[in-house]
Amino acid sequence: MSIPETTSAEAFWRYAGGECLFESRGEAWRDIKAWITALPPTVETLHLPSVSEPFLAWTTSGEVDFQEREDGQPWITNRIRKGSFFLTTGGAPYDVRWRAVSDEPFETMLVFVELPILQRALEEVFGDDAADARLRDASAFNDEALNSLLGLLREELMRGQASPLFVEAIAQAIAIHLAREYGEAGEASHGRSPSLPGHKLRQLTDWMDAQDPKVLAELRTLGVGEEWRRRS
């Protein structure tokens, strides 16, 4: 399958290398989109396109060593298990790969928050600074509030006939929670590369610090290491 550089929220799951078990459809899902997918236990390099909407990937079953990278940079590895989240907020396409470390099926739920409802949440949280506010990326984190909210959303998705009022309320709650806990405004929201978010820059800095001092000296001569540190 040819992988585009960018795609829509509706088409993204088709490139994620899994089987769609449940898919959000209908008027109830105008503010938020969701898919439950079953993924293979092992995947070698998979190229994923970028999307405009921020999205959450929530592990609902299984345990895997998960790796990600952008622009051919070193792989960043995280052990993810039931309850682990990834928050991706746009930027460049990226590569992923993973290998299961348990016999439990690897299943995830993808949740895309539509931009209008997210913008309303940012306006409520940041007020006059909302125009400069954005969400930050985060990898392999736990969040009990999101666990509860997405658990409710997952149950509604599996019902088949979702309640528009219920889904709208959960979507608003998720958007506000993301804005409060993962939003930032001002210089912090502009000082990061769109293709390499801040948490990944910090991980790359840690990787650089473990390398040969001669290599680092050459990189710093070119200003590479210091630029990474300044932006992280």
C-alpha atoms as a PDB file:
ATOM      1  CA  MET A   1       0.000   0.000   0.000  1.00  0.00           C
ATOM      2  CA  SER A   2       1.292   3.445  -0.914  1.00  0.00           C
ATOM      3  CA  ILE A   3       1.579   5.639   2.194  1.00  0.00           C
ATOM      4  CA  PRO A   4       0.835   9.368   1.718  1.00  0.00           C
ATOM      5  CA  GLU A   5       2.639  12.084   3.653  1.00  0.00           C
ATOM      6  CA  THR A   6      -0.654  13.385   5.083  1.00  0.00           C
ATOM      7  CA  THR A   7      -4.107  11.899   5.459  1.00  0.00           C
ATOM      8  CA  SER A   8      -7.469  12.482   7.146  1.00  0.00           C
ATOM      9  CA  ALA A   9      -8.546  11.239  10.553  1.00  0.00           C
ATOM     10  CA  GLU A  10     -11.063   8.934   8.869  1.00  0.00           C
ATOM     11  CA  ALA A  11      -8.365   7.264   6.753  1.00  0.00           C
ATOM     12  CA  PHE A  12      -5.530   7.120   9.297  1.00  0.00           C
ATOM     13  CA  TRP A  13      -6.346   3.732  10.831  1.00  0.00           C
ATOM     14  CA  ARG A  14      -5.979   2.080   7.405  1.00  0.00           C
ATOM     15  CA  TYR A  15      -2.245   2.806   7.515  1.00  0.00           C
ATOM     16  CA  ALA A  16      -1.740   1.637  11.107  1.00  0.00           C
ATOM     17  CA  GLY A  17      -1.277  -1.998  10.155  1.00  0.00           C
ATOM     18  CA  GLY A  18      -4.226  -3.510  12.026  1.00  0.00           C
ATOM     19  CA  GLU A  19      -7.800  -4.738  11.791  1.00  0.00           C
ATOM     20  CA  CYS A  20     -10.606  -2.323  12.627  1.00  0.00           C
ATOM     21  CA  LEU A  21     -12.947  -3.895  15.208  1.00  0.00           C
ATOM     22  CA  PHE A  22     -15.225  -0.908  15.852  1.00  0.00           C
ATOM     23  CA  GLU A  23     -15.515   2.394  13.991  1.00  0.00           C
ATOM     24  CA  SER A  24     -17.339   5.603  14.914  1.00  0.00           C
ATOM     25  CA  ARG A  25     -20.063   6.433  12.409  1.00  0.00           C
ATOM     26  CA  GLY A  26     -22.971   8.822  12.288  1.00  0.00           C
ATOM     27  CA  GLU A  27     -23.975  12.217  13.593  1.00  0.00           C
ATOM     28  CA  ALA A  28     -23.049  11.368  17.189  1.00  0.00           C
ATOM     29  CA  TRP A  29     -19.346  11.442  16.242  1.00  0.00           C
ATOM     30  CA  ARG A  30     -19.081  14.897  14.684  1.00  0.00           C
ATOM     31  CA  ASP A  31     -16.800  16.289  17.452  1.00  0.00           C
ATOM     32  CA  ILE A  32     -14.639  13.231  17.979  1.00  0.00           C
ATOM     33  CA  LYS A  33     -13.688  10.165  15.935  1.00  0.00           C
ATOM     34  CA  ALA A  34     -12.747   6.788  17.382  1.00  0.00           C
ATOM     35  CA  TRP A  35     -11.593   3.350  16.229  1.00  0.00           C
ATOM     36  CA  ILE A  36     -10.756   0.167  18.106  1.00  0.00           C
ATOM     37  CA  THR A  37      -8.079  -1.789  16.255  1.00  0.00           C
ATOM     38  CA  ALA A  38      -6.434  -5.193  16.682  1.00  0.00           C
ATOM     39  CA  LEU A  39      -2.734  -5.005  15.809  1.00  0.00           C
ATOM     40  CA  PRO A  40      -0.272  -7.759  14.880  1.00  0.00           C
ATOM     41  CA  PRO A  41       2.173  -8.807  17.628  1.00  0.00           C
ATOM     42  CA  THR A  42       5.225  -7.762  15.615  1.00  0.00           C
ATOM     43  CA  VAL A  43       5.680  -5.082  12.982  1.00  0.00           C
ATOM     44  CA  GLU A  44       8.876  -4.001  11.312  1.00  0.00           C
ATOM     45  CA  THR A  45       9.171  -0.395  10.166  1.00  0.00           C
ATOM     46  CA  LEU A  46       5.762   1.137   9.431  1.00  0.00           C
ATOM     47  CA  HIS A  47       5.531   4.632   7.925  1.00  0.00           C
ATOM     48  CA  LEU A  48       2.591   6.642   9.297  1.00  0.00           C
ATOM     49  CA  PRO A  49       1.273   9.807   7.644  1.00  0.00           C
ATOM     50  CA  SER A  50       0.603  13.016   9.542  1.00  0.00           C
ATOM     51  CA  VAL A  51      -2.892  14.359  10.248  1.00  0.00           C
ATOM     52  CA  SER A  52      -4.200  17.814  11.135  1.00  0.00           C
ATOM     53  CA  GLU A  53      -6.145  16.766  14.214  1.00  0.00           C
ATOM     54  CA  PRO A  54      -4.474  15.852  17.502  1.00  0.00           C
ATOM     55  CA  PHE A  55      -5.082  12.236  18.393  1.00  0.00           C
ATOM     56  CA  LEU A  56      -4.715   9.805  21.256  1.00  0.00           C
ATOM     57  CA  ALA A  57      -3.586   6.207  20.915  1.00  0.00           C
ATOM     58  CA  TRP A  58      -4.716   4.234  23.973  1.00  0.00           C
ATOM     59  CA  THR A  59      -3.500   0.682  24.575  1.00  0.00           C
ATOM     60  CA  THR A  60      -6.449  -1.409  25.753  1.00  0.00           C
ATOM     61  CA  SER A  61      -4.786  -4.825  25.659  1.00  0.00           C
ATOM     62  CA  GLY A  62      -1.301  -6.299  25.356  1.00  0.00           C
ATOM     63  CA  GLU A  63       2.259  -5.283  26.202  1.00  0.00           C
ATOM     64  CA  VAL A  64       4.863  -4.369  23.574  1.00  0.00           C
ATOM     65  CA  ASP A  65       8.231  -2.722  23.121  1.00  0.00           C
ATOM     66  CA  PHE A  66       7.262   0.200  20.907  1.00  0.00           C
ATOM     67  CA  GLN A  67       9.697   2.328  18.922  1.00  0.00           C
ATOM     68  CA  GLU A  68       9.189   5.590  17.031  1.00  0.00           C
ATOM     69  CA  ARG A  69      11.345   8.001  15.072  1.00  0.00           C
ATOM     70  CA  GLU A  70      11.093  10.996  12.741  1.00  0.00           C
ATOM     71  CA  ASP A  71      13.266  11.968   9.783  1.00  0.00           C
ATOM     72  CA  GLY A  72      15.627   9.019  10.186  1.00  0.00           C
ATOM     73  CA  GLN A  73      16.597  10.006  13.744  1.00  0.00           C
ATOM     74  CA  PRO A  74      17.532   7.323  16.322  1.00  0.00           C
ATOM     75  CA  TRP A  75      14.678   5.109  17.450  1.00  0.00           C
ATOM     76  CA  ILE A  76      12.987   6.066  20.721  1.00  0.00           C
ATOM     77  CA  THR A  77      11.818   3.001  22.667  1.00  0.00           C
ATOM     78  CA  ASN A  78       9.004   2.719  25.203  1.00  0.00           C
ATOM     79  CA  ARG A  79       7.438  -0.296  26.901  1.00  0.00           C
ATOM     80  CA  ILE A  80       3.678   0.158  26.569  1.00  0.00           C
ATOM     81  CA  ARG A  81       0.912  -1.873  28.151  1.00  0.00           C
ATOM     82  CA  LYS A  82      -2.789  -1.632  28.945  1.00  0.00           C
ATOM     83  CA  GLY A  83      -3.518   1.970  29.929  1.00  0.00           C
ATOM     84  CA  SER A  84      -0.589   3.564  28.066  1.00  0.00           C
ATOM     85  CA  PHE A  85      -1.270   6.671  25.983  1.00  0.00           C
ATOM     86  CA  PHE A  86       0.384   8.494  23.105  1.00  0.00           C
ATOM     87  CA  LEU A  87      -0.687  12.054  22.292  1.00  0.00           C
ATOM     88  CA  THR A  88       0.297  13.197  18.804  1.00  0.00           C
ATOM     89  CA  THR A  89      -0.476  16.747  17.749  1.00  0.00           C
ATOM     90  CA  GLY A  90       0.598  16.936  14.115  1.00  0.00           C
ATOM     91  CA  GLY A  91       3.906  17.600  12.427  1.00  0.00           C
ATOM     92  CA  ALA A  92       5.806  15.404  10.014  1.00  0.00           C
ATOM     93  CA  PRO A  93       5.138  11.755   9.115  1.00  0.00           C
ATOM     94  CA  TYR A  94       7.006   9.277  11.287  1.00  0.00           C
ATOM     95  CA  ASP A  95       8.060   5.635  11.515  1.00  0.00           C
ATOM     96  CA  VAL A  96       7.031   3.089  14.136  1.00  0.00           C
ATOM     97  CA  ARG A  97       7.760  -0.552  14.885  1.00  0.00           C
ATOM     98  CA  TRP A  98       6.947  -2.852  17.757  1.00  0.00           C
ATOM     99  CA  ARG A  99       7.345  -6.336  19.189  1.00  0.00           C
ATOM    100  CA  ALA A 100       4.989  -7.996  21.675  1.00  0.00           C
ATOM    101  CA  VAL A 101       6.425  -9.122  25.006  1.00  0.00           C
ATOM    102  CA  SER A 102       3.276 -10.923  26.181  1.00  0.00           C
ATOM    103  CA  ASP A 103       0.767 -13.368  24.704  1.00  0.00           C
ATOM    104  CA  GLU A 104      -2.133 -10.986  25.257  1.00  0.00           C
ATOM    105  CA  PRO A 105      -3.605  -9.575  22.005  1.00  0.00           C
ATOM    106  CA  PHE A 106      -2.365  -6.086  21.174  1.00  0.00           C
ATOM    107  CA  GLU A 107      -5.345  -3.753  20.811  1.00  0.00           C
ATOM    108  CA  THR A 108      -5.541   0.021  20.747  1.00  0.00           C
ATOM    109  CA  MET A 109      -8.168   2.725  20.539  1.00  0.00           C
ATOM    110  CA  LEU A 110      -7.471   5.721  18.313  1.00  0.00           C
ATOM    111  CA  VAL A 111      -9.299   8.937  19.230  1.00  0.00           C
ATOM    112  CA  PHE A 112      -9.167  12.069  17.089  1.00  0.00           C
ATOM    113  CA  VAL A 113     -10.381  15.346  18.608  1.00  0.00           C
ATOM    114  CA  GLU A 114     -11.859  17.667  15.986  1.00  0.00           C
ATOM    115  CA  LEU A 115     -10.163  21.065  15.775  1.00  0.00           C
ATOM    116  CA  PRO A 116     -13.256  23.257  16.491  1.00  0.00           C
ATOM    117  CA  ILE A 117     -13.973  21.627  19.858  1.00  0.00           C
ATOM    118  CA  LEU A 118     -10.292  21.669  20.780  1.00  0.00           C
ATOM    119  CA  GLN A 119     -10.086  25.364  19.923  1.00  0.00           C
ATOM    120  CA  ARG A 120     -13.054  26.095  22.196  1.00  0.00           C
ATOM    121  CA  ALA A 121     -11.316  24.206  25.001  1.00  0.00           C
ATOM    122  CA  LEU A 122      -8.072  26.146  24.481  1.00  0.00           C
ATOM    123  CA  GLU A 123     -10.030  29.424  24.545  1.00  0.00           C
ATOM    124  CA  GLU A 124     -11.658  28.473  27.836  1.00  0.00           C
ATOM    125  CA  VAL A 125      -8.374  27.402  29.429  1.00  0.00           C
ATOM    126  CA  PHE A 126      -6.013  30.066  28.029  1.00  0.00           C
ATOM    127  CA  GLY A 127      -8.350  33.005  27.434  1.00  0.00           C
ATOM    128  CA  ASP A 128      -6.635  35.820  25.535  1.00  0.00           C
ATOM    129  CA  ASP A 129      -3.581  33.614  24.941  1.00  0.00           C
ATOM    130  CA  ALA A 130      -5.587  30.921  23.145  1.00  0.00           C
ATOM    131  CA  ALA A 131      -4.398  32.048  19.711  1.00  0.00           C
ATOM    132  CA  ASP A 132      -0.848  31.059  20.727  1.00  0.00           C
ATOM    133  CA  ALA A 133      -1.842  27.870  22.545  1.00  0.00           C
ATOM    134  CA  ARG A 134      -1.337  24.312  21.363  1.00  0.00           C
ATOM    135  CA  LEU A 135      -1.084  20.804  22.748  1.00  0.00           C
ATOM    136  CA  ARG A 136       2.294  19.192  23.270  1.00  0.00           C
ATOM    137  CA  ASP A 137       3.190  15.672  22.200  1.00  0.00           C
ATOM    138  CA  ALA A 138       3.599  12.975  24.845  1.00  0.00           C
ATOM    139  CA  SER A 139       4.647   9.329  24.590  1.00  0.00           C
ATOM    140  CA  ALA A 140       3.886   6.240  26.686  1.00  0.00           C
ATOM    141  CA  PHE A 141       2.252   8.083  29.586  1.00  0.00           C
ATOM    142  CA  ASN A 142      -0.503   7.155  32.034  1.00  0.00           C
ATOM    143  CA  ASP A 143      -3.470   9.349  32.852  1.00  0.00           C
ATOM    144  CA  GLU A 144      -6.243   8.093  35.122  1.00  0.00           C
ATOM    145  CA  ALA A 145      -8.720  10.755  34.020  1.00  0.00           C
ATOM    146  CA  LEU A 146      -8.200   9.889  30.354  1.00  0.00           C
ATOM    147  CA  ASN A 147      -8.529   6.203  31.224  1.00  0.00           C
ATOM    148  CA  SER A 148     -11.958   6.893  32.671  1.00  0.00           C
ATOM    149  CA  LEU A 149     -13.115   9.191  29.850  1.00  0.00           C
ATOM    150  CA  LEU A 150     -11.917   6.940  27.048  1.00  0.00           C
ATOM    151  CA  GLY A 151     -13.353   3.930  28.849  1.00  0.00           C
ATOM    152  CA  LEU A 152     -16.785   5.554  28.679  1.00  0.00           C
ATOM    153  CA  LEU A 153     -16.222   6.506  25.047  1.00  0.00           C
ATOM    154  CA  ARG A 154     -15.139   2.948  24.219  1.00  0.00           C
ATOM    155  CA  GLU A 155     -18.309   1.511  25.747  1.00  0.00           C
ATOM    156  CA  GLU A 156     -20.419   3.924  23.714  1.00  0.00           C
ATOM    157  CA  LEU A 157     -18.527   3.054  20.535  1.00  0.00           C
ATOM    158  CA  MET A 158     -19.160  -0.655  21.111  1.00  0.00           C
ATOM    159  CA  ARG A 159     -22.905  -0.082  21.624  1.00  0.00           C
ATOM    160  CA  GLY A 160     -23.397   0.459  17.908  1.00  0.00           C
ATOM    161  CA  GLN A 161     -26.104   3.125  18.284  1.00  0.00           C
ATOM    162  CA  ALA A 162     -24.273   5.903  20.116  1.00  0.00           C
ATOM    163  CA  SER A 163     -26.012   8.729  21.945  1.00  0.00           C
ATOM    164  CA  PRO A 164     -25.121  12.104  20.335  1.00  0.00           C
ATOM    165  CA  LEU A 165     -25.617  13.901  23.656  1.00  0.00           C
ATOM    166  CA  PHE A 166     -23.398  11.460  25.551  1.00  0.00           C
ATOM    167  CA  VAL A 167     -20.607  11.473  22.954  1.00  0.00           C
ATOM    168  CA  GLU A 168     -20.694  15.276  22.757  1.00  0.00           C
ATOM    169  CA  ALA A 169     -20.325  15.548  26.536  1.00  0.00           C
ATOM    170  CA  ILE A 170     -17.401  13.102  26.625  1.00  0.00           C
ATOM    171  CA  ALA A 171     -15.724  14.871  23.694  1.00  0.00           C
ATOM    172  CA  GLN A 172     -15.959  18.200  25.518  1.00  0.00           C
ATOM    173  CA  ALA A 173     -14.555  16.660  28.700  1.00  0.00           C
ATOM    174  CA  ILE A 174     -11.629  15.114  26.800  1.00  0.00           C
ATOM    175  CA  ALA A 175     -10.882  18.397  25.008  1.00  0.00           C
ATOM    176  CA  ILE A 176     -10.878  20.387  28.264  1.00  0.00           C
ATOM    177  CA  HIS A 177      -8.693  17.790  30.005  1.00  0.00           C
ATOM    178  CA  LEU A 178      -6.178  17.834  27.160  1.00  0.00           C
ATOM    179  CA  ALA A 179      -6.083  21.642  27.141  1.00  0.00           C
ATOM    180  CA  ARG A 180      -5.567  21.805  30.918  1.00  0.00           C
ATOM    181  CA  GLU A 181      -2.992  19.047  31.253  1.00  0.00           C
ATOM    182  CA  TYR A 182      -1.154  19.083  27.916  1.00  0.00           C
ATOM    183  CA  GLY A 183      -1.713  22.589  26.577  1.00  0.00           C
ATOM    184  CA  GLU A 184       0.851  25.371  26.502  1.00  0.00           C
ATOM    185  CA  ALA A 185       0.842  28.943  25.264  1.00  0.00           C
ATOM    186  CA  GLY A 186       3.351  31.634  24.375  1.00  0.00           C
ATOM    187  CA  GLU A 187       6.966  30.929  23.491  1.00  0.00           C
ATOM    188  CA  ALA A 188       6.751  27.309  24.622  1.00  0.00           C
ATOM    189  CA  SER A 189       4.171  26.587  21.933  1.00  0.00           C
ATOM    190  CA  HIS A 190       6.313  28.125  19.154  1.00  0.00           C
ATOM    191  CA  GLY A 191       9.823  27.170  20.177  1.00  0.00           C
ATOM    192  CA  ARG A 192       9.646  23.549  19.044  1.00  0.00           C
ATOM    193  CA  SER A 193      10.233  21.952  15.693  1.00  0.00           C
ATOM    194  CA  PRO A 194       6.941  20.898  14.076  1.00  0.00           C
ATOM    195  CA  SER A 195       8.558  17.641  13.033  1.00  0.00           C
ATOM    196  CA  LEU A 196      10.322  16.841  16.312  1.00  0.00           C
ATOM    197  CA  PRO A 197       8.345  17.660  19.491  1.00  0.00           C
ATOM    198  CA  GLY A 198      10.022  18.697  22.711  1.00  0.00           C
ATOM    199  CA  HIS A 199       9.848  15.384  24.586  1.00  0.00           C
ATOM    200  CA  LYS A 200      11.622  13.686  21.685  1.00  0.00           C
ATOM    201  CA  LEU A 201      14.257  16.396  21.590  1.00  0.00           C
ATOM    202  CA  ARG A 202      14.992  15.752  25.256  1.00  0.00           C
ATOM    203  CA  GLN A 203      15.275  12.015  24.622  1.00  0.00           C
ATOM    204  CA  LEU A 204      17.664  12.669  21.744  1.00  0.00           C
ATOM    205  CA  THR A 205      19.717  14.917  24.026  1.00  0.00           C
ATOM    206  CA  ASP A 206      19.980  12.050  26.521  1.00  0.00           C
ATOM    207  CA  TRP A 207      21.053   9.756  23.683  1.00  0.00           C
ATOM    208  CA  MET A 208      23.708  12.248  22.580  1.00  0.00           C
ATOM    209  CA  ASP A 209      25.118  12.458  26.106  1.00  0.00           C
ATOM    210  CA  ALA A 210      25.785   8.718  26.031  1.00  0.00           C
ATOM    211  CA  GLN A 211      27.767   8.865  22.798  1.00  0.00           C
ATOM    212  CA  ASP A 212      31.500   9.130  22.101  1.00  0.00           C
ATOM    213  CA  PRO A 213      32.841  12.525  23.294  1.00  0.00           C
ATOM    214  CA  LYS A 214      34.670  13.023  19.997  1.00  0.00           C
ATOM    215  CA  VAL A 215      31.407  12.656  18.069  1.00  0.00           C
ATOM    216  CA  LEU A 216      29.686  15.126  20.379  1.00  0.00           C
ATOM    217  CA  ALA A 217      32.550  17.597  19.994  1.00  0.00           C
ATOM    218  CA  GLU A 218      32.135  17.511  16.227  1.00  0.00           C
ATOM    219  CA  LEU A 219      28.365  17.976  16.496  1.00  0.00           C
ATOM    220  CA  ARG A 220      28.732  20.890  18.883  1.00  0.00           C
ATOM    221  CA  THR A 221      31.242  22.498  16.534  1.00  0.00           C
ATOM    222  CA  LEU A 222      28.398  22.537  14.012  1.00  0.00           C
ATOM    223  CA  GLY A 223      25.993  23.838  16.673  1.00  0.00           C
ATOM    224  CA  VAL A 224      23.780  20.753  16.514  1.00  0.00           C
ATOM    225  CA  GLY A 225      23.851  19.660  20.142  1.00  0.00           C
ATOM    226  CA  GLU A 226      23.379  23.141  21.544  1.00  0.00           C
ATOM    227  CA  GLU A 227      20.446  23.810  19.207  1.00  0.00           C
ATOM    228  CA  TRP A 228      18.734  20.654  20.404  1.00  0.00           C
ATOM    229  CA  ARG A 229      19.245  21.664  24.023  1.00  0.00           C
ATOM    230  CA  ARG A 230      18.065  25.218  23.431  1.00  0.00           C
ATOM    231  CA  ARG A 231      14.849  24.049  21.806  1.00  0.00           C
ATOM    232  CA  SER A 232      14.123  21.330  24.331  1.00  0.00           C
END
